[in-house]
All heavy atoms as atom14 arrays in JSON, in Angstrom:
{
  "sequence": "FLDPFCGTGIVAWTAKRLGMRVVVNDVLLSAHLRHRALIANN",
  "atom14_mask": [
    [1, 1, 1, 1, 1, 1, 1, 1, 1, 1, 1, 0, 0, 0],
    [1, 1, 1, 1, 1, 1, 1, 1, 0, 0, 0, 0, 0, 0],
    [1, 1, 1, 1, 1, 1, 1, 1, 0, 0, 0, 0, 0, 0],
    [1, 1, 1, 1, 1, 1, 1, 0, 0, 0, 0, 0, 0, 0],
    [1, 1, 1, 1, 1, 1, 1, 1, 1, 1, 1, 0, 0, 0],
    [1, 1, 1, 1, 1, 1, 0, 0, 0, 0, 0, 0, 0, 0],
    [1, 1, 1, 1, 0, 0, 0, 0, 0, 0, 0, 0, 0, 0],
    [1, 1, 1, 1, 1, 1, 1, 0, 0, 0, 0, 0, 0, 0],
    [1, 1, 1, 1, 0, 0, 0, 0, 0, 0, 0, 0, 0, 0],
    [1, 1, 1, 1, 1, 1, 1, 1, 0, 0, 0, 0, 0, 0],
    [1, 1, 1, 1, 1, 1, 1, 0, 0, 0, 0, 0, 0, 0],
    [1, 1, 1, 1, 1, 0, 0, 0, 0, 0, 0, 0, 0, 0],
    [1, 1, 1, 1, 1, 1, 1, 1, 1, 1, 1, 1, 1, 1],
    [1, 1, 1, 1, 1, 1, 1, 0, 0, 0, 0, 0, 0, 0],
    [1, 1, 1, 1, 1, 0, 0, 0, 0, 0, 0, 0, 0, 0],
    [1, 1, 1, 1, 1, 1, 1, 1, 1, 0, 0, 0, 0, 0],
    [1, 1, 1, 1, 1, 1, 1, 1, 1, 1, 1, 0, 0, 0],
    [1, 1, 1, 1, 1, 1, 1, 1, 0, 0, 0, 0, 0, 0],
    [1, 1, 1, 1, 0, 0, 0, 0, 0, 0, 0, 0, 0, 0],
    [1, 1, 1, 1, 1, 1, 1, 1, 0, 0, 0, 0, 0, 0],
    [1, 1, 1, 1, 1, 1, 1, 1, 1, 1, 1, 0, 0, 0],
    [1, 1, 1, 1, 1, 1, 1, 0, 0, 0, 0, 0, 0, 0],
    [1, 1, 1, 1, 1, 1, 1, 0, 0, 0, 0, 0, 0, 0],
    [1, 1, 1, 1, 1, 1, 1, 0, 0, 0, 0, 0, 0, 0],
    [1, 1, 1, 1, 1, 1, 1, 1, 0, 0, 0, 0, 0, 0],
    [1, 1, 1, 1, 1, 1, 1, 1, 0, 0, 0, 0, 0, 0],
    [1, 1, 1, 1, 1, 1, 1, 0, 0, 0, 0, 0, 0, 0],
    [1, 1, 1, 1, 1, 1, 1, 1, 0, 0, 0, 0, 0, 0],
    [1, 1, 1, 1, 1, 1, 1, 1, 0, 0, 0, 0, 0, 0],
    [1, 1, 1, 1, 1, 1, 0, 0, 0, 0, 0, 0, 0, 0],
    [1, 1, 1, 1, 1, 0, 0, 0, 0, 0, 0, 0, 0, 0],
    [1, 1, 1, 1, 1, 1, 1, 1, 1, 1, 0, 0, 0, 0],
    [1, 1, 1, 1, 1, 1, 1, 1, 0, 0, 0, 0, 0, 0],
    [1, 1, 1, 1, 1, 1, 1, 1, 1, 1, 1, 0, 0, 0],
    [1, 1, 1, 1, 1, 1, 1, 1, 1, 1, 0, 0, 0, 0],
    [1, 1, 1, 1, 1, 1, 1, 1, 1, 1, 1, 0, 0, 0],
    [1, 1, 1, 1, 1, 0, 0, 0, 0, 0, 0, 0, 0, 0],
    [1, 1, 1, 1, 1, 1, 1, 1, 0, 0, 0, 0, 0, 0],
    [1, 1, 1, 1, 1, 1, 1, 1, 0, 0, 0, 0, 0, 0],
    [1, 1, 1, 1, 1, 0, 0, 0, 0, 0, 0, 0, 0, 0],
    [1, 1, 1, 1, 1, 1, 1, 1, 0, 0, 0, 0, 0, 0],
    [1, 1, 1, 1, 1, 1, 1, 1, 0, 0, 0, 0, 0, 0]
  ],
  "atom14_positions": [
    [[193.09, 174.88, 125.16], [193.03, 173.68, 125.95], [193.99, 173.73, 126.97], [195.26, 173.71, 126.71], [193.19, 172.51, 124.97], [192.93, 171.1, 125.6], [191.71, 170.52, 125.57], [194.0, 170.43, 126.2], [191.58, 169.26, 126.17], [193.82, 169.18, 126.88], [192.61, 168.58, 126.78], [0.0, 0.0, 0.0], [0.0, 0.0, 0.0], [0.0, 0.0, 0.0]],
    [[193.58, 173.72, 128.26], [194.56, 173.73, 129.38], [194.65, 172.37, 130.04], [193.56, 171.86, 130.52], [194.07, 174.78, 130.44], [194.74, 174.83, 131.73], [196.3, 175.12, 131.53], [194.15, 175.97, 132.69], [0.0, 0.0, 0.0], [0.0, 0.0, 0.0], [0.0, 0.0, 0.0], [0.0, 0.0, 0.0], [0.0, 0.0, 0.0], [0.0, 0.0, 0.0]],
    [[195.82, 171.87, 130.15], [196.1, 170.56, 130.86], [197.15, 170.72, 131.95], [198.38, 170.55, 131.75], [196.45, 169.47, 129.86], [196.57, 168.13, 130.47], [196.54, 167.93, 131.68], [196.73, 167.18, 129.64], [0.0, 0.0, 0.0], [0.0, 0.0, 0.0], [0.0, 0.0, 0.0], [0.0, 0.0, 0.0], [0.0, 0.0, 0.0], [0.0, 0.0, 0.0]],
    [[196.68, 171.0, 133.18], [197.61, 171.35, 134.21], [198.32, 170.2, 134.97], [199.23, 170.3, 135.8], [196.84, 172.27, 135.26], [195.46, 171.67, 135.05], [195.43, 171.26, 133.6], [0.0, 0.0, 0.0], [0.0, 0.0, 0.0], [0.0, 0.0, 0.0], [0.0, 0.0, 0.0], [0.0, 0.0, 0.0], [0.0, 0.0, 0.0], [0.0, 0.0, 0.0]],
    [[197.76, 168.92, 134.67], [198.37, 167.71, 135.22], [198.76, 166.96, 134.04], [198.16, 165.78, 133.9], [197.39, 167.04, 136.13], [196.88, 167.94, 137.31], [195.77, 168.58, 137.18], [197.45, 167.94, 138.55], [195.23, 169.47, 138.12], [197.05, 168.74, 139.5], [195.9, 169.47, 139.35], [0.0, 0.0, 0.0], [0.0, 0.0, 0.0], [0.0, 0.0, 0.0]],
    [[199.63, 167.21, 133.18], [199.78, 166.75, 131.83], [200.29, 165.33, 131.86], [200.09, 164.61, 130.96], [200.62, 167.65, 130.94], [200.34, 167.37, 129.13], [0.0, 0.0, 0.0], [0.0, 0.0, 0.0], [0.0, 0.0, 0.0], [0.0, 0.0, 0.0], [0.0, 0.0, 0.0], [0.0, 0.0, 0.0], [0.0, 0.0, 0.0], [0.0, 0.0, 0.0]],
    [[201.13, 164.91, 132.84], [201.68, 163.52, 132.83], [202.39, 163.15, 131.43], [203.3, 163.79, 131.03], [0.0, 0.0, 0.0], [0.0, 0.0, 0.0], [0.0, 0.0, 0.0], [0.0, 0.0, 0.0], [0.0, 0.0, 0.0], [0.0, 0.0, 0.0], [0.0, 0.0, 0.0], [0.0, 0.0, 0.0], [0.0, 0.0, 0.0], [0.0, 0.0, 0.0]],
    [[201.9, 162.1, 130.83], [202.58, 161.6, 129.68], [202.42, 162.64, 128.6], [203.25, 162.75, 127.66], [201.92, 160.2, 129.17], [200.59, 160.48, 128.85], [202.09, 159.15, 130.19], [0.0, 0.0, 0.0], [0.0, 0.0, 0.0], [0.0, 0.0, 0.0], [0.0, 0.0, 0.0], [0.0, 0.0, 0.0], [0.0, 0.0, 0.0], [0.0, 0.0, 0.0]],
    [[201.27, 163.31, 128.54], [201.04, 164.33, 127.57], [200.23, 163.88, 126.4], [199.98, 164.72, 125.38], [0.0, 0.0, 0.0], [0.0, 0.0, 0.0], [0.0, 0.0, 0.0], [0.0, 0.0, 0.0], [0.0, 0.0, 0.0], [0.0, 0.0, 0.0], [0.0, 0.0, 0.0], [0.0, 0.0, 0.0], [0.0, 0.0, 0.0], [0.0, 0.0, 0.0]],
    [[199.77, 162.62, 126.4], [199.12, 162.17, 125.18], [197.85, 162.98, 124.83], [197.48, 163.24, 123.69], [198.74, 160.66, 125.35], [198.07, 160.05, 124.18], [197.89, 160.47, 126.49], [198.95, 159.96, 122.86], [0.0, 0.0, 0.0], [0.0, 0.0, 0.0], [0.0, 0.0, 0.0], [0.0, 0.0, 0.0], [0.0, 0.0, 0.0], [0.0, 0.0, 0.0]],
    [[197.03, 163.37, 125.9], [195.77, 164.14, 125.54], [196.0, 165.49, 124.99], [195.49, 165.86, 124.04], [194.91, 164.27, 126.93], [193.59, 165.03, 126.6], [194.51, 162.73, 127.35], [0.0, 0.0, 0.0], [0.0, 0.0, 0.0], [0.0, 0.0, 0.0], [0.0, 0.0, 0.0], [0.0, 0.0, 0.0], [0.0, 0.0, 0.0], [0.0, 0.0, 0.0]],
    [[197.03, 166.16, 125.6], [197.28, 167.54, 125.21], [198.05, 167.43, 123.84], [197.72, 168.31, 122.96], [198.16, 168.27, 126.19], [0.0, 0.0, 0.0], [0.0, 0.0, 0.0], [0.0, 0.0, 0.0], [0.0, 0.0, 0.0], [0.0, 0.0, 0.0], [0.0, 0.0, 0.0], [0.0, 0.0, 0.0], [0.0, 0.0, 0.0], [0.0, 0.0, 0.0]],
    [[198.91, 166.43, 123.58], [199.6, 166.37, 122.34], [198.48, 166.17, 121.16], [198.67, 166.72, 120.12], [200.49, 165.22, 122.46], [201.27, 164.87, 121.18], [202.47, 165.41, 120.67], [201.07, 163.81, 120.29], [202.81, 164.81, 119.63], [201.94, 163.83, 119.31], [200.02, 162.84, 120.1], [202.04, 162.84, 118.21], [200.06, 161.95, 119.11], [201.01, 161.96, 118.16]],
    [[197.52, 165.35, 121.48], [196.49, 165.14, 120.53], [195.58, 166.42, 120.35], [195.18, 166.6, 119.15], [195.52, 163.87, 120.95], [196.38, 162.77, 121.17], [194.55, 163.6, 119.86], [0.0, 0.0, 0.0], [0.0, 0.0, 0.0], [0.0, 0.0, 0.0], [0.0, 0.0, 0.0], [0.0, 0.0, 0.0], [0.0, 0.0, 0.0], [0.0, 0.0, 0.0]],
    [[195.36, 167.02, 121.35], [194.54, 168.28, 121.22], [195.32, 169.4, 120.4], [194.66, 170.07, 119.63], [194.29, 168.87, 122.58], [0.0, 0.0, 0.0], [0.0, 0.0, 0.0], [0.0, 0.0, 0.0], [0.0, 0.0, 0.0], [0.0, 0.0, 0.0], [0.0, 0.0, 0.0], [0.0, 0.0, 0.0], [0.0, 0.0, 0.0], [0.0, 0.0, 0.0]],
    [[196.56, 169.27, 120.55], [197.3, 170.27, 119.68], [197.15, 169.89, 118.15], [197.07, 170.81, 117.41], [198.82, 170.11, 120.16], [199.84, 170.99, 119.21], [201.29, 170.68, 119.61], [202.08, 171.44, 118.55], [203.57, 171.36, 118.83], [0.0, 0.0, 0.0], [0.0, 0.0, 0.0], [0.0, 0.0, 0.0], [0.0, 0.0, 0.0], [0.0, 0.0, 0.0]],
    [[197.32, 168.59, 117.96], [197.04, 168.11, 116.52], [195.75, 168.33, 115.95], [195.52, 168.34, 114.72], [197.48, 166.67, 116.36], [198.99, 166.37, 116.8], [199.29, 164.89, 116.75], [200.02, 164.55, 115.64], [201.36, 164.81, 115.36], [201.99, 165.48, 116.29], [201.89, 164.46, 114.32], [0.0, 0.0, 0.0], [0.0, 0.0, 0.0], [0.0, 0.0, 0.0]],
    [[194.79, 168.63, 116.81], [193.42, 169.0, 116.38], [193.25, 170.42, 116.14], [192.2, 170.93, 115.84], [192.35, 168.57, 117.4], [192.22, 167.08, 117.59], [191.25, 166.71, 118.69], [191.71, 166.44, 116.24], [0.0, 0.0, 0.0], [0.0, 0.0, 0.0], [0.0, 0.0, 0.0], [0.0, 0.0, 0.0], [0.0, 0.0, 0.0], [0.0, 0.0, 0.0]],
    [[194.4, 171.28, 116.32], [194.32, 172.65, 116.08], [194.21, 173.61, 117.21], [194.27, 174.92, 116.93], [0.0, 0.0, 0.0], [0.0, 0.0, 0.0], [0.0, 0.0, 0.0], [0.0, 0.0, 0.0], [0.0, 0.0, 0.0], [0.0, 0.0, 0.0], [0.0, 0.0, 0.0], [0.0, 0.0, 0.0], [0.0, 0.0, 0.0], [0.0, 0.0, 0.0]],
    [[193.92, 173.04, 118.44], [193.76, 173.96, 119.53], [195.15, 174.54, 120.04], [196.11, 173.89, 119.88], [193.08, 173.21, 120.66], [191.57, 173.05, 120.42], [190.76, 172.11, 121.72], [191.09, 170.43, 121.28], [0.0, 0.0, 0.0], [0.0, 0.0, 0.0], [0.0, 0.0, 0.0], [0.0, 0.0, 0.0], [0.0, 0.0, 0.0], [0.0, 0.0, 0.0]],
    [[195.16, 175.71, 120.61], [196.19, 176.22, 121.41], [196.28, 175.42, 122.65], [195.23, 175.32, 123.35], [196.03, 177.69, 121.6], [197.15, 178.17, 122.49], [197.04, 179.8, 122.73], [198.1, 180.3, 123.63], [197.84, 180.43, 124.9], [196.69, 180.27, 125.43], [198.82, 180.94, 125.64], [0.0, 0.0, 0.0], [0.0, 0.0, 0.0], [0.0, 0.0, 0.0]],
    [[197.33, 174.86, 123.02], [197.47, 174.03, 124.18], [198.5, 174.56, 125.34], [199.59, 174.99, 124.84], [198.04, 172.6, 123.77], [198.32, 171.79, 124.97], [197.02, 171.89, 122.88], [0.0, 0.0, 0.0], [0.0, 0.0, 0.0], [0.0, 0.0, 0.0], [0.0, 0.0, 0.0], [0.0, 0.0, 0.0], [0.0, 0.0, 0.0], [0.0, 0.0, 0.0]],
    [[197.93, 174.75, 126.41], [198.9, 175.08, 127.58], [198.96, 173.9, 128.53], [198.0, 173.5, 129.11], [198.23, 176.37, 128.21], [199.16, 176.73, 129.49], [198.04, 177.48, 127.26], [0.0, 0.0, 0.0], [0.0, 0.0, 0.0], [0.0, 0.0, 0.0], [0.0, 0.0, 0.0], [0.0, 0.0, 0.0], [0.0, 0.0, 0.0], [0.0, 0.0, 0.0]],
    [[200.15, 173.45, 128.88], [200.37, 172.28, 129.64], [201.24, 172.56, 130.78], [201.96, 173.51, 130.85], [200.87, 171.04, 128.87], [199.96, 170.69, 127.71], [202.24, 171.48, 128.28], [0.0, 0.0, 0.0], [0.0, 0.0, 0.0], [0.0, 0.0, 0.0], [0.0, 0.0, 0.0], [0.0, 0.0, 0.0], [0.0, 0.0, 0.0], [0.0, 0.0, 0.0]],
    [[201.19, 171.64, 131.8], [202.06, 171.82, 133.02], [202.25, 170.43, 133.65], [201.39, 169.59, 133.59], [201.18, 172.74, 133.99], [201.83, 172.96, 135.43], [203.0, 173.56, 135.41], [201.38, 172.29, 136.44], [0.0, 0.0, 0.0], [0.0, 0.0, 0.0], [0.0, 0.0, 0.0], [0.0, 0.0, 0.0], [0.0, 0.0, 0.0], [0.0, 0.0, 0.0]],
    [[203.45, 170.33, 134.37], [203.59, 169.14, 135.18], [204.75, 169.7, 136.17], [205.7, 170.27, 135.76], [204.0, 168.03, 134.46], [203.86, 166.77, 135.23], [204.57, 166.46, 136.15], [202.72, 165.96, 134.93], [0.0, 0.0, 0.0], [0.0, 0.0, 0.0], [0.0, 0.0, 0.0], [0.0, 0.0, 0.0], [0.0, 0.0, 0.0], [0.0, 0.0, 0.0]],
    [[204.64, 169.21, 137.45], [205.7, 169.42, 138.39], [206.93, 168.71, 138.16], [208.04, 169.28, 138.4], [205.11, 169.13, 139.85], [204.1, 170.24, 140.19], [204.71, 167.78, 140.02], [0.0, 0.0, 0.0], [0.0, 0.0, 0.0], [0.0, 0.0, 0.0], [0.0, 0.0, 0.0], [0.0, 0.0, 0.0], [0.0, 0.0, 0.0], [0.0, 0.0, 0.0]],
    [[206.92, 167.57, 137.52], [208.11, 166.84, 137.35], [209.03, 167.47, 136.22], [208.43, 167.76, 135.1], [207.8, 165.42, 136.95], [207.4, 164.48, 138.08], [207.06, 163.09, 137.57], [208.46, 164.34, 139.14], [0.0, 0.0, 0.0], [0.0, 0.0, 0.0], [0.0, 0.0, 0.0], [0.0, 0.0, 0.0], [0.0, 0.0, 0.0], [0.0, 0.0, 0.0]],
    [[210.27, 167.53, 136.44], [211.11, 168.19, 135.38], [211.16, 167.27, 134.12], [211.11, 167.92, 133.06], [212.56, 168.29, 135.95], [213.59, 168.79, 134.89], [213.37, 170.25, 134.5], [215.03, 168.66, 135.58], [0.0, 0.0, 0.0], [0.0, 0.0, 0.0], [0.0, 0.0, 0.0], [0.0, 0.0, 0.0], [0.0, 0.0, 0.0], [0.0, 0.0, 0.0]],
    [[211.22, 166.0, 134.21], [211.32, 165.14, 133.0], [210.03, 165.29, 132.24], [210.07, 165.37, 131.03], [211.35, 163.67, 133.43], [210.41, 163.31, 134.36], [0.0, 0.0, 0.0], [0.0, 0.0, 0.0], [0.0, 0.0, 0.0], [0.0, 0.0, 0.0], [0.0, 0.0, 0.0], [0.0, 0.0, 0.0], [0.0, 0.0, 0.0], [0.0, 0.0, 0.0]],
    [[208.89, 165.28, 132.88], [207.54, 165.62, 132.12], [207.58, 166.95, 131.5], [207.21, 167.16, 130.29], [206.43, 165.38, 133.05], [0.0, 0.0, 0.0], [0.0, 0.0, 0.0], [0.0, 0.0, 0.0], [0.0, 0.0, 0.0], [0.0, 0.0, 0.0], [0.0, 0.0, 0.0], [0.0, 0.0, 0.0], [0.0, 0.0, 0.0], [0.0, 0.0, 0.0]],
    [[208.01, 167.97, 132.2], [208.08, 169.4, 131.65], [208.96, 169.44, 130.47], [208.47, 170.03, 129.41], [208.56, 170.32, 132.81], [208.91, 171.77, 132.26], [207.99, 172.53, 131.74], [210.05, 172.4, 132.24], [208.41, 173.62, 131.42], [209.74, 173.61, 131.7], [0.0, 0.0, 0.0], [0.0, 0.0, 0.0], [0.0, 0.0, 0.0], [0.0, 0.0, 0.0]],
    [[210.14, 168.86, 130.39], [211.09, 168.95, 129.32], [210.43, 168.13, 128.13], [210.53, 168.53, 126.94], [212.38, 168.35, 129.67], [213.17, 169.06, 130.66], [214.57, 168.53, 130.88], [213.46, 170.67, 130.33], [0.0, 0.0, 0.0], [0.0, 0.0, 0.0], [0.0, 0.0, 0.0], [0.0, 0.0, 0.0], [0.0, 0.0, 0.0], [0.0, 0.0, 0.0]],
    [[209.77, 167.03, 128.42], [209.14, 166.3, 127.33], [207.94, 167.23, 126.57], [207.8, 167.12, 125.44], [208.5, 164.98, 127.9], [207.83, 164.11, 126.94], [207.5, 162.76, 127.49], [206.52, 162.82, 128.52], [206.79, 162.59, 129.91], [208.01, 162.38, 130.32], [205.76, 162.66, 130.71], [0.0, 0.0, 0.0], [0.0, 0.0, 0.0], [0.0, 0.0, 0.0]],
    [[207.21, 167.86, 127.51], [206.18, 168.72, 126.99], [206.81, 169.9, 126.23], [206.21, 170.27, 125.23], [205.34, 169.21, 128.17], [204.65, 168.14, 128.98], [204.38, 168.4, 130.33], [204.34, 166.87, 128.65], [203.8, 167.25, 130.79], [203.85, 166.35, 129.88], [0.0, 0.0, 0.0], [0.0, 0.0, 0.0], [0.0, 0.0, 0.0], [0.0, 0.0, 0.0]],
    [[207.88, 170.49, 126.63], [208.46, 171.5, 125.81], [208.94, 170.94, 124.5], [208.65, 171.64, 123.52], [209.74, 172.08, 126.59], [209.29, 173.04, 127.72], [210.24, 174.11, 127.99], [211.66, 173.71, 128.19], [212.47, 174.36, 129.0], [211.96, 175.22, 129.9], [213.69, 173.89, 129.17], [0.0, 0.0, 0.0], [0.0, 0.0, 0.0], [0.0, 0.0, 0.0]],
    [[209.5, 169.66, 124.59], [210.14, 169.25, 123.25], [208.95, 168.68, 122.29], [209.21, 168.93, 121.04], [211.02, 168.0, 123.64], [0.0, 0.0, 0.0], [0.0, 0.0, 0.0], [0.0, 0.0, 0.0], [0.0, 0.0, 0.0], [0.0, 0.0, 0.0], [0.0, 0.0, 0.0], [0.0, 0.0, 0.0], [0.0, 0.0, 0.0], [0.0, 0.0, 0.0]],
    [[207.96, 168.35, 122.82], [206.9, 167.61, 121.91], [205.56, 168.49, 121.73], [204.77, 168.16, 120.81], [206.6, 166.13, 122.36], [207.72, 165.28, 122.5], [207.21, 163.94, 123.01], [208.51, 165.22, 121.28], [0.0, 0.0, 0.0], [0.0, 0.0, 0.0], [0.0, 0.0, 0.0], [0.0, 0.0, 0.0], [0.0, 0.0, 0.0], [0.0, 0.0, 0.0]],
    [[205.33, 169.42, 122.66], [204.1, 170.23, 122.56], [204.34, 171.68, 122.45], [203.85, 172.29, 121.47], [203.24, 169.93, 123.85], [202.85, 168.38, 123.97], [202.0, 170.87, 123.95], [202.15, 168.03, 125.21], [0.0, 0.0, 0.0], [0.0, 0.0, 0.0], [0.0, 0.0, 0.0], [0.0, 0.0, 0.0], [0.0, 0.0, 0.0], [0.0, 0.0, 0.0]],
    [[205.06, 172.25, 123.24], [205.47, 173.57, 123.14], [206.23, 173.96, 121.83], [206.13, 175.0, 121.12], [206.17, 174.26, 124.23], [0.0, 0.0, 0.0], [0.0, 0.0, 0.0], [0.0, 0.0, 0.0], [0.0, 0.0, 0.0], [0.0, 0.0, 0.0], [0.0, 0.0, 0.0], [0.0, 0.0, 0.0], [0.0, 0.0, 0.0], [0.0, 0.0, 0.0]],
    [[206.98, 172.9, 121.47], [207.89, 172.96, 120.24], [207.0, 172.75, 118.98], [206.37, 171.62, 118.87], [209.08, 172.04, 120.25], [209.86, 171.83, 119.04], [209.93, 172.87, 118.28], [210.53, 170.72, 118.92], [0.0, 0.0, 0.0], [0.0, 0.0, 0.0], [0.0, 0.0, 0.0], [0.0, 0.0, 0.0], [0.0, 0.0, 0.0], [0.0, 0.0, 0.0]],
    [[207.08, 173.58, 118.01], [206.35, 173.33, 116.78], [207.09, 172.85, 115.61], [206.44, 172.34, 114.68], [205.69, 174.73, 116.37], [204.34, 175.09, 117.14], [203.79, 174.07, 117.78], [203.9, 176.26, 117.06], [0.0, 0.0, 0.0], [0.0, 0.0, 0.0], [0.0, 0.0, 0.0], [0.0, 0.0, 0.0], [0.0, 0.0, 0.0], [0.0, 0.0, 0.0]]
  ]
}
């Protein structure tokens, strides 16, 4: 599941919990660090 405009991350975070491999992206540093902490981090 690819989410290149991830924003808050709620959709990708939920897709992760459904078992899919998730690739996310956001241009904002704060969003990126949030995605690393809550989505890329297992």
